[in-house]
Amino acid sequence: MWQSYLNGLLVAFGLIMAIGTQNAYVLAQSLRREHHLSVALLCIVCDAVLVTAGVFGLASVLAHNPTLLAVARWGGVVFLVWYGAKALRRAISPQSLHEGEANGQRSRRAVLLTALAVTLLNPHVYLDTVLLIGTLGAQQSVPGAYVFGAASASLLWFSTLAIGAAWLAPWLARPATWRLLDLMVAVMMFSVAAQLIRTG
């Protein structure tokens, strides 16, 4: 049982820690201190649900249905380009640095819907979380323990990212920092979209 748990923990950590669209969004929200704990919780729950689904059958369904993967791919490309363009606009427009302060915080619902889109409209979540982690989990001696290990990795990572970045926010609250963050988010979104277009 413990071997399956550790396998799930290590495999999930290895994939989650790579800087991706989901991590970039959690980081941005945490630095803004804008519903960051709710965003982290949503990411943790989504990961747990997707890993569970992958381990117990969805990985096999996706592997044998290229149409579903194609829909996820092109939907993801459209969303990533749109979100990247918004971040790039904020990075290059001086007045946009103060838009958030002028308009106040976005509602929790708006922030969580965007987090859900960043998570579920990114095809990499299905390739990594469902197919890769799920396929490996289905081969474990105790699949349930593997799922728990993967969920533990997600809990540790997103909690640390959200709390740590929010703690650092006062030291990073400079216009240049926000521009750099938005530029990083834009580059990340565009690069993932380009990879999806190029490789499928």
C-alpha atoms as a PDB file:
ATOM      1  CA  MET A   1       0.000   0.000   0.000  1.00  0.00           C
ATOM      2  CA  TRP A   2       2.742   2.472   0.999  1.00  0.00           C
ATOM      3  CA  GLN A   3       4.669   1.756  -2.192  1.00  0.00           C
ATOM      4  CA  SER A   4       1.615   2.702  -4.270  1.00  0.00           C
ATOM      5  CA  TYR A   5       1.117   5.839  -2.152  1.00  0.00           C
ATOM      6  CA  LEU A   6       4.746   6.926  -2.627  1.00  0.00           C
ATOM      7  CA  ASN A   7       4.576   6.222  -6.366  1.00  0.00           C
ATOM      8  CA  GLY A   8       1.519   8.464  -6.671  1.00  0.00           C
ATOM      9  CA  LEU A   9       3.138  11.183  -4.543  1.00  0.00           C
ATOM     10  CA  LEU A  10       6.405  11.244  -6.504  1.00  0.00           C
ATOM     11  CA  VAL A  11       4.915  10.976  -9.998  1.00  0.00           C
ATOM     12  CA  ALA A  12       2.381  13.739  -9.291  1.00  0.00           C
ATOM     13  CA  PHE A  13       5.007  16.001  -7.703  1.00  0.00           C
ATOM     14  CA  GLY A  14       7.246  15.606 -10.737  1.00  0.00           C
ATOM     15  CA  LEU A  15       4.482  16.726 -13.109  1.00  0.00           C
ATOM     16  CA  ILE A  16       2.780  19.376 -10.941  1.00  0.00           C
ATOM     17  CA  MET A  17       5.972  21.259 -10.059  1.00  0.00           C
ATOM     18  CA  ALA A  18       6.776  22.013 -13.697  1.00  0.00           C
ATOM     19  CA  ILE A  19       5.740  25.611 -14.360  1.00  0.00           C
ATOM     20  CA  GLY A  20       2.524  25.431 -16.326  1.00  0.00           C
ATOM     21  CA  THR A  21      -0.608  27.460 -16.906  1.00  0.00           C
ATOM     22  CA  GLN A  22      -2.289  26.305 -13.692  1.00  0.00           C
ATOM     23  CA  ASN A  23       0.752  27.142 -11.547  1.00  0.00           C
ATOM     24  CA  ALA A  24       1.130  30.536 -13.244  1.00  0.00           C
ATOM     25  CA  TYR A  25      -2.511  31.387 -12.469  1.00  0.00           C
ATOM     26  CA  VAL A  26      -2.262  30.292  -8.812  1.00  0.00           C
ATOM     27  CA  LEU A  27       0.946  32.312  -8.462  1.00  0.00           C
ATOM     28  CA  ALA A  28      -0.617  35.435 -10.007  1.00  0.00           C
ATOM     29  CA  GLN A  29      -3.724  35.223  -7.794  1.00  0.00           C
ATOM     30  CA  SER A  30      -1.611  34.610  -4.702  1.00  0.00           C
ATOM     31  CA  LEU A  31       0.602  37.627  -5.360  1.00  0.00           C
ATOM     32  CA  ARG A  32      -2.561  39.707  -5.799  1.00  0.00           C
ATOM     33  CA  ARG A  33      -4.066  38.062  -2.700  1.00  0.00           C
ATOM     34  CA  GLU A  34      -7.265  37.720  -4.707  1.00  0.00           C
ATOM     35  CA  HIS A  35      -9.157  34.614  -3.506  1.00  0.00           C
ATOM     36  CA  HIS A  36      -5.879  32.677  -3.749  1.00  0.00           C
ATOM     37  CA  LEU A  37      -6.774  30.036  -1.152  1.00  0.00           C
ATOM     38  CA  SER A  38     -10.036  29.275  -2.953  1.00  0.00           C
ATOM     39  CA  VAL A  39      -8.137  28.993  -6.244  1.00  0.00           C
ATOM     40  CA  ALA A  40      -5.608  26.608  -4.676  1.00  0.00           C
ATOM     41  CA  LEU A  41      -8.415  24.500  -3.190  1.00  0.00           C
ATOM     42  CA  LEU A  42     -10.156  24.315  -6.572  1.00  0.00           C
ATOM     43  CA  CYS A  43      -6.924  23.130  -8.237  1.00  0.00           C
ATOM     44  CA  ILE A  44      -6.408  20.499  -5.534  1.00  0.00           C
ATOM     45  CA  VAL A  45      -9.966  19.176  -5.925  1.00  0.00           C
ATOM     46  CA  CYS A  46      -9.761  19.150  -9.744  1.00  0.00           C
ATOM     47  CA  ASP A  47      -6.473  17.241  -9.662  1.00  0.00           C
ATOM     48  CA  ALA A  48      -7.871  14.678  -7.223  1.00  0.00           C
ATOM     49  CA  VAL A  49     -10.998  14.140  -9.355  1.00  0.00           C
ATOM     50  CA  LEU A  50      -9.038  13.881 -12.617  1.00  0.00           C
ATOM     51  CA  VAL A  51      -6.462  11.465 -11.177  1.00  0.00           C
ATOM     52  CA  THR A  52      -9.231   9.304  -9.706  1.00  0.00           C
ATOM     53  CA  ALA A  53     -11.074   9.277 -13.033  1.00  0.00           C
ATOM     54  CA  GLY A  54      -7.868   8.454 -14.913  1.00  0.00           C
ATOM     55  CA  VAL A  55      -6.872   5.593 -12.623  1.00  0.00           C
ATOM     56  CA  PHE A  56     -10.336   4.055 -12.683  1.00  0.00           C
ATOM     57  CA  GLY A  57     -11.048   4.137 -16.420  1.00  0.00           C
ATOM     58  CA  LEU A  58     -11.020   7.584 -18.075  1.00  0.00           C
ATOM     59  CA  ALA A  59      -7.382   7.208 -19.195  1.00  0.00           C
ATOM     60  CA  SER A  60      -8.375   4.181 -21.262  1.00  0.00           C
ATOM     61  CA  VAL A  61     -11.382   5.996 -22.783  1.00  0.00           C
ATOM     62  CA  LEU A  62      -9.296   9.028 -23.817  1.00  0.00           C
ATOM     63  CA  ALA A  63      -6.491   6.891 -25.214  1.00  0.00           C
ATOM     64  CA  HIS A  64      -8.974   5.245 -27.584  1.00  0.00           C
ATOM     65  CA  ASN A  65     -10.913   8.374 -28.585  1.00  0.00           C
ATOM     66  CA  PRO A  66      -8.820  10.837 -30.622  1.00  0.00           C
ATOM     67  CA  THR A  67     -11.898  13.017 -31.301  1.00  0.00           C
ATOM     68  CA  LEU A  68     -12.222  13.934 -27.620  1.00  0.00           C
ATOM     69  CA  LEU A  69      -8.528  14.780 -27.450  1.00  0.00           C
ATOM     70  CA  ALA A  70      -8.813  16.917 -30.601  1.00  0.00           C
ATOM     71  CA  VAL A  71     -11.741  18.893 -29.136  1.00  0.00           C
ATOM     72  CA  ALA A  72      -9.773  19.441 -25.925  1.00  0.00           C
ATOM     73  CA  ARG A  73      -6.718  20.458 -27.940  1.00  0.00           C
ATOM     74  CA  TRP A  74      -8.349  23.168 -30.073  1.00  0.00           C
ATOM     75  CA  GLY A  75     -10.557  24.457 -27.279  1.00  0.00           C
ATOM     76  CA  GLY A  76      -7.440  24.747 -25.169  1.00  0.00           C
ATOM     77  CA  VAL A  77      -5.547  26.599 -27.910  1.00  0.00           C
ATOM     78  CA  VAL A  78      -8.307  29.223 -28.214  1.00  0.00           C
ATOM     79  CA  PHE A  79      -8.513  29.767 -24.459  1.00  0.00           C
ATOM     80  CA  LEU A  80      -4.736  29.902 -23.931  1.00  0.00           C
ATOM     81  CA  VAL A  81      -4.240  32.466 -26.729  1.00  0.00           C
ATOM     82  CA  TRP A  82      -7.084  34.636 -25.364  1.00  0.00           C
ATOM     83  CA  TYR A  83      -5.786  34.513 -21.790  1.00  0.00           C
ATOM     84  CA  GLY A  84      -2.191  35.079 -22.927  1.00  0.00           C
ATOM     85  CA  ALA A  85      -3.257  38.137 -24.951  1.00  0.00           C
ATOM     86  CA  LYS A  86      -4.939  39.628 -21.861  1.00  0.00           C
ATOM     87  CA  ALA A  87      -1.796  39.122 -19.792  1.00  0.00           C
ATOM     88  CA  LEU A  88       0.409  40.576 -22.535  1.00  0.00           C
ATOM     89  CA  ARG A  89      -1.836  43.652 -22.772  1.00  0.00           C
ATOM     90  CA  ARG A  90      -1.453  44.217 -19.022  1.00  0.00           C
ATOM     91  CA  ALA A  91       2.324  43.803 -19.272  1.00  0.00           C
ATOM     92  CA  ILE A  92       2.810  46.400 -22.026  1.00  0.00           C
ATOM     93  CA  SER A  93       0.174  48.942 -20.963  1.00  0.00           C
ATOM     94  CA  PRO A  94       1.277  51.177 -18.063  1.00  0.00           C
ATOM     95  CA  GLN A  95      -2.254  52.211 -17.133  1.00  0.00           C
ATOM     96  CA  SER A  96      -3.412  48.601 -16.908  1.00  0.00           C
ATOM     97  CA  LEU A  97      -1.134  48.137 -13.902  1.00  0.00           C
ATOM     98  CA  HIS A  98      -3.619  50.156 -11.860  1.00  0.00           C
ATOM     99  CA  GLU A  99      -6.830  48.798 -13.372  1.00  0.00           C
ATOM    100  CA  GLY A 100      -7.156  46.171 -10.656  1.00  0.00           C
ATOM    101  CA  GLU A 101      -6.892  48.797  -7.932  1.00  0.00           C
ATOM    102  CA  ALA A 102      -9.416  51.062  -9.674  1.00  0.00           C
ATOM    103  CA  ASN A 103     -11.944  48.309 -10.250  1.00  0.00           C
ATOM    104  CA  GLY A 104     -11.424  46.516  -6.937  1.00  0.00           C
ATOM    105  CA  GLN A 105     -11.110  42.784  -6.513  1.00  0.00           C
ATOM    106  CA  ARG A 106     -12.938  40.488  -8.878  1.00  0.00           C
ATOM    107  CA  SER A 107     -15.665  38.363  -7.378  1.00  0.00           C
ATOM    108  CA  ARG A 108     -14.760  34.932  -6.055  1.00  0.00           C
ATOM    109  CA  ARG A 109     -17.061  33.417  -8.691  1.00  0.00           C
ATOM    110  CA  ALA A 110     -15.238  35.153 -11.565  1.00  0.00           C
ATOM    111  CA  VAL A 111     -11.826  34.154 -10.224  1.00  0.00           C
ATOM    112  CA  LEU A 112     -12.867  30.524  -9.685  1.00  0.00           C
ATOM    113  CA  LEU A 113     -14.478  30.258 -13.132  1.00  0.00           C
ATOM    114  CA  THR A 114     -11.229  31.455 -14.683  1.00  0.00           C
ATOM    115  CA  ALA A 115      -9.274  28.972 -12.548  1.00  0.00           C
ATOM    116  CA  LEU A 116     -11.611  26.209 -13.707  1.00  0.00           C
ATOM    117  CA  ALA A 117     -11.068  27.233 -17.334  1.00  0.00           C
ATOM    118  CA  VAL A 118      -7.270  27.377 -16.880  1.00  0.00           C
ATOM    119  CA  THR A 119      -7.434  23.868 -15.417  1.00  0.00           C
ATOM    120  CA  LEU A 120      -9.986  22.099 -17.620  1.00  0.00           C
ATOM    121  CA  LEU A 121      -9.434  23.839 -20.981  1.00  0.00           C
ATOM    122  CA  ASN A 122      -5.735  23.019 -20.944  1.00  0.00           C
ATOM    123  CA  PRO A 123      -5.278  19.740 -22.844  1.00  0.00           C
ATOM    124  CA  HIS A 124      -2.082  19.039 -20.905  1.00  0.00           C
ATOM    125  CA  VAL A 125      -4.197  18.329 -17.839  1.00  0.00           C
ATOM    126  CA  TYR A 126      -5.747  15.380 -19.709  1.00  0.00           C
ATOM    127  CA  LEU A 127      -2.437  14.196 -21.150  1.00  0.00           C
ATOM    128  CA  ASP A 128      -0.509  14.468 -17.877  1.00  0.00           C
ATOM    129  CA  THR A 129      -3.030  14.126 -15.061  1.00  0.00           C
ATOM    130  CA  VAL A 130      -5.530  11.735 -16.632  1.00  0.00           C
ATOM    131  CA  LEU A 131      -3.557   9.729 -19.189  1.00  0.00           C
ATOM    132  CA  LEU A 132      -0.045   9.565 -17.734  1.00  0.00           C
ATOM    133  CA  ILE A 133      -0.754   9.603 -13.998  1.00  0.00           C
ATOM    134  CA  GLY A 134      -3.968   7.629 -14.513  1.00  0.00           C
ATOM    135  CA  THR A 135      -2.368   4.897 -16.639  1.00  0.00           C
ATOM    136  CA  LEU A 136       0.471   4.437 -14.154  1.00  0.00           C
ATOM    137  CA  GLY A 137      -2.029   4.354 -11.278  1.00  0.00           C
ATOM    138  CA  ALA A 138      -4.134   1.652 -12.903  1.00  0.00           C
ATOM    139  CA  GLN A 139      -1.064  -0.624 -12.832  1.00  0.00           C
ATOM    140  CA  GLN A 140      -0.420  -0.222  -9.089  1.00  0.00           C
ATOM    141  CA  SER A 141      -1.073  -2.981  -6.599  1.00  0.00           C
ATOM    142  CA  VAL A 142      -3.272  -0.587  -4.564  1.00  0.00           C
ATOM    143  CA  PRO A 143      -4.712   2.004  -7.003  1.00  0.00           C
ATOM    144  CA  GLY A 144      -6.612   3.811  -4.237  1.00  0.00           C
ATOM    145  CA  ALA A 145      -3.405   4.466  -2.296  1.00  0.00           C
ATOM    146  CA  TYR A 146      -1.773   5.767  -5.489  1.00  0.00           C
ATOM    147  CA  VAL A 147      -4.665   8.213  -5.997  1.00  0.00           C
ATOM    148  CA  PHE A 148      -4.303   9.368  -2.382  1.00  0.00           C
ATOM    149  CA  GLY A 149      -0.562   9.887  -2.917  1.00  0.00           C
ATOM    150  CA  ALA A 150      -1.140  11.963  -6.063  1.00  0.00           C
ATOM    151  CA  ALA A 151      -3.825  14.014  -4.283  1.00  0.00           C
ATOM    152  CA  SER A 152      -1.420  14.588  -1.366  1.00  0.00           C
ATOM    153  CA  ALA A 153       1.190  15.960  -3.786  1.00  0.00           C
ATOM    154  CA  SER A 154      -1.363  18.373  -5.225  1.00  0.00           C
ATOM    155  CA  LEU A 155      -2.454  19.457  -1.732  1.00  0.00           C
ATOM    156  CA  LEU A 156       1.132  20.117  -0.597  1.00  0.00           C
ATOM    157  CA  TRP A 157       2.192  21.914  -3.773  1.00  0.00           C
ATOM    158  CA  PHE A 158      -0.764  24.255  -4.299  1.00  0.00           C
ATOM    159  CA  SER A 159      -1.064  25.084  -0.579  1.00  0.00           C
ATOM    160  CA  THR A 160       2.637  25.974  -0.427  1.00  0.00           C
ATOM    161  CA  LEU A 161       2.466  27.989  -3.650  1.00  0.00           C
ATOM    162  CA  ALA A 162      -0.625  29.957  -2.593  1.00  0.00           C
ATOM    163  CA  ILE A 163       0.475  30.687   0.975  1.00  0.00           C
ATOM    164  CA  GLY A 164       4.127  31.317   0.096  1.00  0.00           C
ATOM    165  CA  ALA A 165       3.398  33.706  -2.780  1.00  0.00           C
ATOM    166  CA  ALA A 166       0.802  35.616  -0.724  1.00  0.00           C
ATOM    167  CA  TRP A 167       3.361  35.967   2.083  1.00  0.00           C
ATOM    168  CA  LEU A 168       5.903  37.389  -0.383  1.00  0.00           C
ATOM    169  CA  ALA A 169       3.370  39.755  -1.969  1.00  0.00           C
ATOM    170  CA  PRO A 170       4.284  42.854   0.108  1.00  0.00           C
ATOM    171  CA  TRP A 171       7.918  42.579  -1.034  1.00  0.00           C
ATOM    172  CA  LEU A 172       6.946  41.998  -4.658  1.00  0.00           C
ATOM    173  CA  ALA A 173       4.235  44.677  -4.942  1.00  0.00           C
ATOM    174  CA  ARG A 174       6.051  46.829  -7.504  1.00  0.00           C
ATOM    175  CA  PRO A 175       4.845  47.764 -11.017  1.00  0.00           C
ATOM    176  CA  ALA A 176       7.933  46.129 -12.576  1.00  0.00           C
ATOM    177  CA  THR A 177       7.189  42.878 -10.725  1.00  0.00           C
ATOM    178  CA  TRP A 178       3.584  42.819 -11.942  1.00  0.00           C
ATOM    179  CA  ARG A 179       4.696  43.498 -15.516  1.00  0.00           C
ATOM    180  CA  LEU A 180       7.230  40.695 -15.339  1.00  0.00           C
ATOM    181  CA  LEU A 181       4.619  38.327 -13.881  1.00  0.00           C
ATOM    182  CA  ASP A 182       2.073  39.172 -16.591  1.00  0.00           C
ATOM    183  CA  LEU A 183       4.760  38.768 -19.253  1.00  0.00           C
ATOM    184  CA  MET A 184       5.681  35.365 -17.809  1.00  0.00           C
ATOM    185  CA  VAL A 185       2.033  34.293 -17.820  1.00  0.00           C
ATOM    186  CA  ALA A 186       1.606  35.464 -21.447  1.00  0.00           C
ATOM    187  CA  VAL A 187       4.743  33.621 -22.598  1.00  0.00           C
ATOM    188  CA  MET A 188       3.602  30.480 -20.772  1.00  0.00           C
ATOM    189  CA  MET A 189       0.123  30.568 -22.337  1.00  0.00           C
ATOM    190  CA  PHE A 190       1.432  31.263 -25.857  1.00  0.00           C
ATOM    191  CA  SER A 191       4.130  28.591 -25.641  1.00  0.00           C
ATOM    192  CA  VAL A 192       1.699  25.898 -24.507  1.00  0.00           C
ATOM    193  CA  ALA A 193      -0.747  26.932 -27.272  1.00  0.00           C
ATOM    194  CA  ALA A 194       2.057  26.821 -29.871  1.00  0.00           C
ATOM    195  CA  GLN A 195       3.136  23.402 -28.647  1.00  0.00           C
ATOM    196  CA  LEU A 196      -0.421  22.111 -28.978  1.00  0.00           C
ATOM    197  CA  ILE A 197      -0.732  23.479 -32.525  1.00  0.00           C
ATOM    198  CA  ARG A 198       2.666  22.126 -33.560  1.00  0.00           C
ATOM    199  CA  THR A 199       2.584  18.652 -32.024  1.00  0.00           C
ATOM    200  CA  GLY A 200      -1.099  17.954 -31.389  1.00  0.00           C
END
